[in-house]
C-alpha cells in the first residue's frame, strides 16, 4: 500500500532549504494519488484530474510499478497489462499540468509471488549487485521520463527496508538520478521503519507512508482514533526535530470496509462496506495533523476506481470522507 535536504512547513508554510542550494521554498503539498492506471482513457483521466482540482489538491501522485518474481529474485522489469505504458504515463503527466496540478511520479516495486510476511520490504536477492543494476535501470528510466515531462517530485524508492542501510548504494543511484532529473527527490519509508533510513540527507523530501493502526475495534469513535493518532504524532514530531527535517506522508488511506482503522494496510479483508468508519478515520487524521509544522504535505490514497456507496476500496470518491478532504485542502489555500 508509496527524503529531504529541505524543510517542509504545514498549512500555508514552506519547504525551506536546509543544507542544499538546490532547495527552494515550496508550499504545503495537498496531494491525492491517482493510483496506477495502465489503460486509463482520456475522458476518465480528465474527469478525475478535474475532481482533484475540485478537492483543492495541488499535486497528483501517479504510481508506476515494475515487478520482480519473488523476494530472492534479481530481475526487475515491466509487467504486461499492469505497468502503465510510457505514452500513457506521459499523457497523464501532461494532462495534469495542463489542468494546473503538479505531479509526483511514484515508482513502486511489486513482488509477484509472496509467502506470509514477504513483501518489497523483505527483499533478499541472491545477488545484490545484480539486483541494484536492475533496480537502477527501473529508477533511471522514470527519472528520465520525469525530466522530459516536468514532473515536480520523483521517488527514488518506497518501503525497501532491507536496503536502507546500504548508504553507498543509494548514493550511487541518487547521484545518477540527479544527472538526468532536476526536480525534487523523495524517498518513501514504511510507516514503522523511517528512523533507520541511512540516506535521508541525500534526497530533497523525507517521505513515509501512514498505515498506522488507530483503533482496537471497528466501533471506535473519532475521538478514540484521534487519541491514537496523537500518540503517533508525538513520536513523529520528536523524530522530525531530532533530524531537523520535516516530512510528508506519501500514502494515507483507509479502505471503506469494517475494520479499516484497525488494518488500514489490508484492503483484502472480506468485511462489510463501512463508509462511516472510513469517514471517522479521515476525520481523526485531519484533526490530528492540521497545522502541525513538522508535516509538509499529504498524499491521500487514492482516487482509483468509481467509488460510491457500495465501493470497498480506498478511494473516498463519492463517500463522506471526500467532503473532509475538500474542507481541509480548500482551507489551506
Protein backbone atom coordinates (compact mmCIF):
# COMPACT_ATOMS: atom_id res chain seq x y z
CA UNK A 1 0.00 0.00 0.00
CA UNK A 2 4.07 4.98 -1.64
CA UNK A 3 13.80 12.38 1.90
CA UNK A 4 14.75 15.93 2.35
CA UNK A 5 17.54 18.43 2.09
CA UNK A 6 14.64 20.79 2.64
CA UNK A 7 12.37 21.93 5.43
CA UNK A 8 8.63 21.44 4.99
CA UNK A 9 6.18 23.57 6.97
CA UNK A 10 2.48 22.73 7.02
CA UNK A 11 -0.71 24.69 6.29
CA UNK A 12 0.46 27.57 4.19
CA UNK A 13 4.05 27.12 5.33
CA UNK A 14 7.00 26.32 3.11
CA UNK A 15 9.60 23.79 2.19
CA UNK A 16 12.84 25.61 3.03
CA UNK A 17 16.41 24.79 2.12
CA UNK A 18 18.42 23.32 4.98
CA UNK A 19 21.72 22.25 3.52
CA UNK A 20 21.38 22.49 -0.23
CA UNK A 21 21.34 25.40 -2.64
CA UNK A 22 19.09 23.23 -4.85
CA UNK A 23 16.19 23.61 -2.42
CA UNK A 24 13.69 26.43 -2.70
CA UNK A 25 10.60 27.28 -0.68
CA UNK A 26 7.59 25.16 -1.67
CA UNK A 27 4.01 25.38 -0.40
CA UNK A 28 2.33 22.69 1.67
CA UNK A 29 1.62 19.72 -0.59
CA UNK A 30 -2.09 18.98 -0.85
CA UNK A 31 -1.88 15.66 -2.63
CA UNK A 32 -4.09 12.82 -3.82
CA UNK A 33 -2.89 9.65 -5.53
CA UNK A 34 -4.47 8.59 -8.80
CA UNK A 35 -3.18 5.08 -8.16
CA UNK A 36 -1.83 3.02 -11.04
CA UNK A 37 -3.71 3.20 -14.32
CA UNK A 38 -2.40 1.05 -17.16
CA UNK A 39 -5.14 1.88 -19.66
CA UNK A 40 -6.99 4.99 -18.47
CA UNK A 41 -8.91 6.74 -21.27
CA UNK A 42 -8.78 10.48 -21.93
CA UNK A 43 -12.28 11.25 -20.67
CA UNK A 44 -11.83 9.38 -17.38
CA UNK A 45 -8.40 10.90 -16.85
CA UNK A 46 -9.64 14.44 -17.42
CA UNK A 47 -12.65 13.92 -15.16
CA UNK A 48 -10.52 12.54 -12.32
CA UNK A 49 -7.93 15.29 -12.57
CA UNK A 50 -10.67 17.90 -12.51
CA UNK A 51 -12.10 16.21 -9.42
CA UNK A 52 -8.69 16.53 -7.73
CA UNK A 53 -8.71 20.23 -8.52
CA UNK A 54 -12.22 20.49 -7.06
CA UNK A 55 -10.92 18.83 -3.88
CA UNK A 56 -8.33 21.59 -3.57
CA UNK A 57 -5.38 19.34 -4.40
CA UNK A 58 -2.14 20.92 -5.53
CA UNK A 59 -0.44 17.64 -6.52
CA UNK A 60 -1.42 14.36 -8.13
CA UNK A 61 0.62 11.27 -7.29
CA UNK A 62 0.92 8.85 -10.21
CA UNK A 63 2.12 5.36 -9.34
CA UNK A 64 4.15 3.29 -11.77
CA UNK A 65 5.26 -0.25 -10.96
CA UNK A 66 7.69 -2.82 -12.24
CA UNK A 67 7.65 -6.37 -10.91
CA UNK A 68 10.03 -8.93 -9.50
CA UNK A 69 9.20 -12.63 -9.28
CA UNK A 70 9.84 -13.06 -5.55
CA UNK A 71 11.92 -11.62 -2.73
CA UNK A 72 15.04 -13.55 -3.82
CA UNK A 73 14.88 -12.53 -7.48
CA UNK A 74 17.43 -10.15 -9.02
CA UNK A 75 15.38 -9.16 -12.08
CA UNK A 76 13.01 -6.19 -12.08
CA UNK A 77 11.01 -5.45 -15.22
CA UNK A 78 7.70 -4.08 -16.53
CA UNK A 79 4.71 -6.42 -16.28
CA UNK A 80 2.42 -6.68 -19.29
CA UNK A 81 -1.07 -5.48 -18.53
CA UNK A 82 -0.05 -3.91 -15.22
CA UNK A 83 2.73 -1.44 -15.94
CA UNK A 84 1.41 1.79 -17.44
CA UNK A 85 2.95 2.31 -20.90
CA UNK A 86 5.23 5.34 -21.21
CA UNK A 87 2.95 7.02 -23.73
CA UNK A 88 0.00 6.77 -21.32
CA UNK A 89 2.10 7.93 -18.39
CA UNK A 90 3.38 10.93 -20.31
CA UNK A 91 -0.18 11.81 -21.33
CA UNK A 92 -1.29 11.64 -17.68
CA UNK A 93 1.51 13.93 -16.52
CA UNK A 94 0.99 16.46 -19.28
CA UNK A 95 -2.78 16.50 -18.77
CA UNK A 96 -2.30 17.08 -15.03
CA UNK A 97 0.00 20.01 -15.79
CA UNK A 98 -2.44 21.43 -18.32
CA UNK A 99 -5.11 21.46 -15.61
CA UNK A 100 -2.86 23.21 -13.10
CA UNK A 101 -1.78 20.24 -10.97
CA UNK A 102 1.80 19.39 -10.04
CA UNK A 103 2.91 15.76 -10.35
CA UNK A 104 4.64 13.31 -8.03
CA UNK A 105 5.80 10.31 -10.04
CA UNK A 106 5.98 7.37 -7.65
CA UNK A 107 7.74 4.18 -8.85
CA UNK A 108 6.93 1.12 -6.72
CA UNK A 109 8.40 -2.37 -6.83
CA UNK A 110 5.78 -5.12 -6.92
CA UNK A 111 6.66 -8.62 -5.66
CA UNK A 112 4.52 -11.09 -7.59
CA UNK A 113 4.93 -14.29 -5.56
CA UNK A 114 4.89 -13.80 -1.81
CA UNK A 115 4.72 -16.08 1.20
CA UNK A 116 3.37 -14.88 4.52
CA UNK A 117 5.21 -11.74 5.69
CA UNK A 118 7.01 -11.37 2.34
CA UNK A 119 6.79 -8.04 0.51
CA UNK A 120 9.13 -5.47 -1.03
CA UNK A 121 10.40 -4.54 2.44
CA UNK A 122 11.74 -8.08 2.88
CA UNK A 123 13.87 -8.41 -0.25
CA UNK A 124 16.83 -10.81 -0.03
CA UNK A 125 18.07 -11.26 -3.61
CA UNK A 126 20.59 -13.96 -4.36
CA UNK A 127 22.92 -11.35 -5.87
CA UNK A 128 22.73 -7.78 -4.56
CA UNK A 129 24.96 -6.42 -7.34
CA UNK A 130 22.59 -7.79 -9.97
CA UNK A 131 19.57 -6.51 -8.05
CA UNK A 132 20.95 -2.97 -7.82
CA UNK A 133 21.76 -2.94 -11.54
CA UNK A 134 18.19 -3.94 -12.33
CA UNK A 135 16.66 -1.55 -9.81
CA UNK A 136 18.80 1.32 -11.10
CA UNK A 137 17.54 0.66 -14.63
CA UNK A 138 13.97 0.92 -13.33
CA UNK A 139 14.53 4.17 -11.43
CA UNK A 140 16.67 5.85 -14.08
CA UNK A 141 14.12 5.07 -16.79
CA UNK A 142 11.40 7.03 -14.99
CA UNK A 143 13.78 9.73 -13.78
CA UNK A 144 14.45 10.48 -17.45
CA UNK A 145 10.73 10.43 -18.21
CA UNK A 146 10.08 12.73 -15.23
CA UNK A 147 12.60 15.24 -16.53
CA UNK A 148 11.15 15.05 -20.02
CA UNK A 149 7.61 15.72 -18.78
CA UNK A 150 8.49 18.16 -16.00
CA UNK A 151 7.22 16.10 -13.04
CA UNK A 152 7.89 18.19 -9.94
CA UNK A 153 8.56 15.33 -7.48
CA UNK A 154 10.10 11.93 -8.12
CA UNK A 155 10.56 8.99 -5.74
CA UNK A 156 13.79 7.01 -5.86
CA UNK A 157 12.25 4.24 -3.78
CA UNK A 158 9.46 3.10 -1.50
CA UNK A 159 9.50 0.83 1.57
CA UNK A 160 12.71 -1.01 0.60
CA UNK A 161 13.51 -1.83 4.22
CA UNK A 162 16.35 -4.32 3.65
CA UNK A 163 18.28 -1.82 1.50
CA UNK A 164 18.02 1.17 3.82
CA UNK A 165 21.43 0.71 5.46
CA UNK A 166 23.18 0.47 2.08
CA UNK A 167 24.13 4.14 2.05
CA UNK A 168 26.83 3.87 -0.62
CA UNK A 169 24.48 2.03 -2.97
CA UNK A 170 21.83 4.69 -2.54
CA UNK A 171 24.35 7.49 -3.04
CA UNK A 172 25.48 5.97 -6.32
CA UNK A 173 21.88 5.67 -7.53
CA UNK A 174 20.81 9.13 -6.36
CA UNK A 175 23.88 10.75 -7.94
CA UNK A 176 22.98 9.03 -11.22
CA UNK A 177 19.37 10.20 -10.96
CA UNK A 178 20.45 13.80 -10.39
CA UNK A 179 22.37 13.69 -13.67
CA UNK A 180 19.13 13.16 -15.61
CA UNK A 181 16.46 14.72 -13.37
CA UNK A 182 16.46 18.23 -11.87
CA UNK A 183 13.29 18.14 -9.76
CA UNK A 184 12.84 17.23 -6.09
CA UNK A 185 13.75 13.70 -5.00
CA UNK A 186 11.73 11.76 -2.43
CA UNK A 187 12.28 8.50 -0.60
CA UNK A 188 9.18 6.93 0.96
CA UNK A 189 9.88 4.86 4.08
CA UNK A 190 7.47 2.39 5.60
CA UNK A 191 5.38 3.78 8.45
CA UNK A 192 7.19 1.65 11.04
CA UNK A 193 10.73 1.90 9.62
CA UNK A 194 11.57 5.54 8.95
CA UNK A 195 14.19 6.23 11.62
CA UNK A 196 16.76 3.62 10.44
CA UNK A 197 16.96 5.03 6.89
CA UNK A 198 20.62 5.96 6.43
CA UNK A 199 20.44 8.33 3.46
CA UNK A 200 17.87 10.98 4.29
CA UNK A 201 20.48 13.69 3.69
CA UNK A 202 20.87 12.62 0.07
CA UNK A 203 17.32 13.46 -1.01
CA UNK A 204 15.16 16.56 -1.01
CA UNK A 205 11.96 15.39 0.67
CA UNK A 206 11.56 12.97 3.58
CA UNK A 207 8.58 10.71 2.96
CA UNK A 208 6.79 7.90 4.74
CA UNK A 209 3.54 6.00 4.44
CA UNK A 210 0.94 6.23 7.20
CA UNK A 211 -0.88 2.91 7.55
CA UNK A 212 -0.94 3.04 11.33
CA UNK A 213 -3.41 1.10 13.42
CA UNK A 214 -5.60 3.73 15.09
CA UNK A 215 -8.41 1.63 16.56
CA UNK A 216 -8.93 -1.51 18.59
CA UNK A 217 -12.41 -2.15 17.24
CA UNK A 218 -14.49 -1.14 14.25
CA UNK A 219 -16.79 0.81 16.56
CA UNK A 220 -14.00 3.10 17.78
CA UNK A 221 -15.11 6.72 17.94
CA UNK A 222 -13.47 9.58 16.07
CA UNK A 223 -12.02 10.79 19.38
CA UNK A 224 -10.53 7.38 20.14
CA UNK A 225 -8.93 7.34 16.70
CA UNK A 226 -7.63 10.87 17.20
CA UNK A 227 -6.16 9.86 20.57
CA UNK A 228 -4.26 7.05 18.84
CA UNK A 229 -3.04 9.49 16.20
CA UNK A 230 -1.85 11.96 18.82
CA UNK A 231 0.48 9.33 20.26
CA UNK A 232 1.85 8.59 16.80
CA UNK A 233 2.16 12.31 16.07
CA UNK A 234 4.24 12.90 19.18
CA UNK A 235 6.77 10.26 18.12
CA UNK A 236 6.98 11.58 14.56
CA UNK A 237 7.36 15.15 15.76
CA UNK A 238 10.17 14.15 18.10
CA UNK A 239 11.92 12.33 15.26
CA UNK A 240 11.41 15.30 12.92
CA UNK A 241 13.01 17.62 15.47
CA UNK A 242 15.86 15.18 16.01
CA UNK A 243 16.77 15.03 12.33
CA UNK A 244 15.88 18.73 11.93
CA UNK A 245 13.74 17.88 8.95
CA UNK A 246 10.01 17.86 8.27
CA UNK A 247 8.34 15.08 6.28
CA UNK A 248 5.43 14.29 4.01
CA UNK A 249 3.03 11.37 4.09
CA UNK A 250 3.30 9.74 0.66
CA UNK A 251 0.30 7.48 1.36
CA UNK A 252 -2.57 7.93 3.84
CA UNK A 253 -5.72 5.95 3.31
CA UNK A 254 -8.42 3.64 4.61
CA UNK A 255 -10.47 1.17 2.55
CA UNK A 256 -14.18 1.69 3.16
CA UNK A 257 -14.73 -1.62 4.93
CA UNK A 258 -15.33 -2.61 8.53
CA UNK A 259 -12.02 -2.70 10.40
CA UNK A 260 -10.26 -0.19 8.15
CA UNK A 261 -8.93 1.80 11.11
CA UNK A 262 -7.53 -1.39 12.65
CA UNK A 263 -5.95 -2.74 9.46
CA UNK A 264 -5.59 0.25 7.11
CA UNK A 265 -2.97 -1.62 5.05
CA UNK A 266 -5.26 -4.59 4.31
CA UNK A 267 -7.84 -3.97 1.58
CA UNK A 268 -8.38 -7.73 1.05
CA UNK A 269 -10.43 -8.34 4.20
CA UNK A 270 -13.91 -9.65 3.36
CA UNK A 271 -15.81 -7.46 5.80
CA UNK A 272 -18.82 -5.26 5.07
CA UNK A 273 -18.71 -1.91 3.33
CA UNK A 274 -18.33 0.75 6.03
CA UNK A 275 -18.28 4.34 4.80
CA UNK A 276 -18.72 5.73 8.30
CA UNK A 277 -15.62 4.04 9.73
CA UNK A 278 -13.63 5.38 6.78
CA UNK A 279 -15.03 8.85 7.45
CA UNK A 280 -14.09 8.72 11.14
CA UNK A 281 -10.57 7.62 10.27
CA UNK A 282 -10.16 10.53 7.84
CA UNK A 283 -11.63 12.97 10.35
CA UNK A 284 -9.25 11.78 13.09
CA UNK A 285 -6.24 12.14 10.79
CA UNK A 286 -7.15 15.66 9.72
CA UNK A 287 -7.95 16.78 13.28
CA UNK A 288 -4.61 15.49 14.49
CA UNK A 289 -2.34 16.85 11.77
CA UNK A 290 -4.00 20.13 10.82
CA UNK A 291 -1.40 22.87 11.37
CA UNK A 292 1.42 20.58 12.56
CA UNK A 293 4.58 22.37 11.44
CA UNK A 294 6.53 19.12 11.05
CA UNK A 295 4.19 17.96 8.30
CA UNK A 296 4.92 19.40 4.88
CA UNK A 297 2.33 17.56 2.84
CA UNK A 298 -0.04 14.64 2.39
CA UNK A 299 -0.99 12.32 -0.45
CA UNK A 300 -4.31 10.60 0.24
CA UNK A 301 -4.50 7.05 -1.11
CA UNK A 302 -6.17 7.01 -3.55
CA UNK A 303 -8.59 8.18 -6.27
CA UNK A 304 -8.65 4.89 -8.21
CA UNK A 305 -11.96 3.39 -9.30
CA UNK A 306 -15.51 4.69 -9.42
CA UNK A 307 -16.07 4.94 -5.68
CA UNK A 308 -19.57 5.49 -4.34
CA UNK A 309 -21.68 3.98 -1.59
CA UNK A 310 -21.04 0.33 -2.48
CA UNK A 311 -17.30 0.62 -3.10
CA UNK A 312 -14.94 -1.31 -0.83
CA UNK A 313 -11.72 0.30 -1.98
CA UNK A 314 -9.55 3.09 -0.65
CA UNK A 315 -10.99 5.85 -2.76
CA UNK A 316 -13.01 8.47 -0.86
CA UNK A 317 -14.64 9.42 -4.18
CA UNK A 318 -18.40 9.78 -3.71
CA UNK A 319 -18.13 8.93 0.00
CA UNK A 320 -18.45 11.04 3.18
CA UNK A 321 -14.63 11.22 3.54
CA UNK A 322 -14.45 13.18 0.28
CA UNK A 323 -16.04 16.23 1.92
CA UNK A 324 -13.44 16.21 4.72
CA UNK A 325 -10.54 16.33 2.27
CA UNK A 326 -12.08 19.22 0.37
CA UNK A 327 -12.79 21.23 3.52
CA UNK A 328 -9.19 20.82 4.71
CA UNK A 329 -7.48 21.41 1.39
CA UNK A 330 -9.61 24.39 0.39
CA UNK A 331 -8.94 25.89 3.81
CA UNK A 332 -5.16 25.69 3.28
CA UNK A 333 -5.26 27.82 0.12
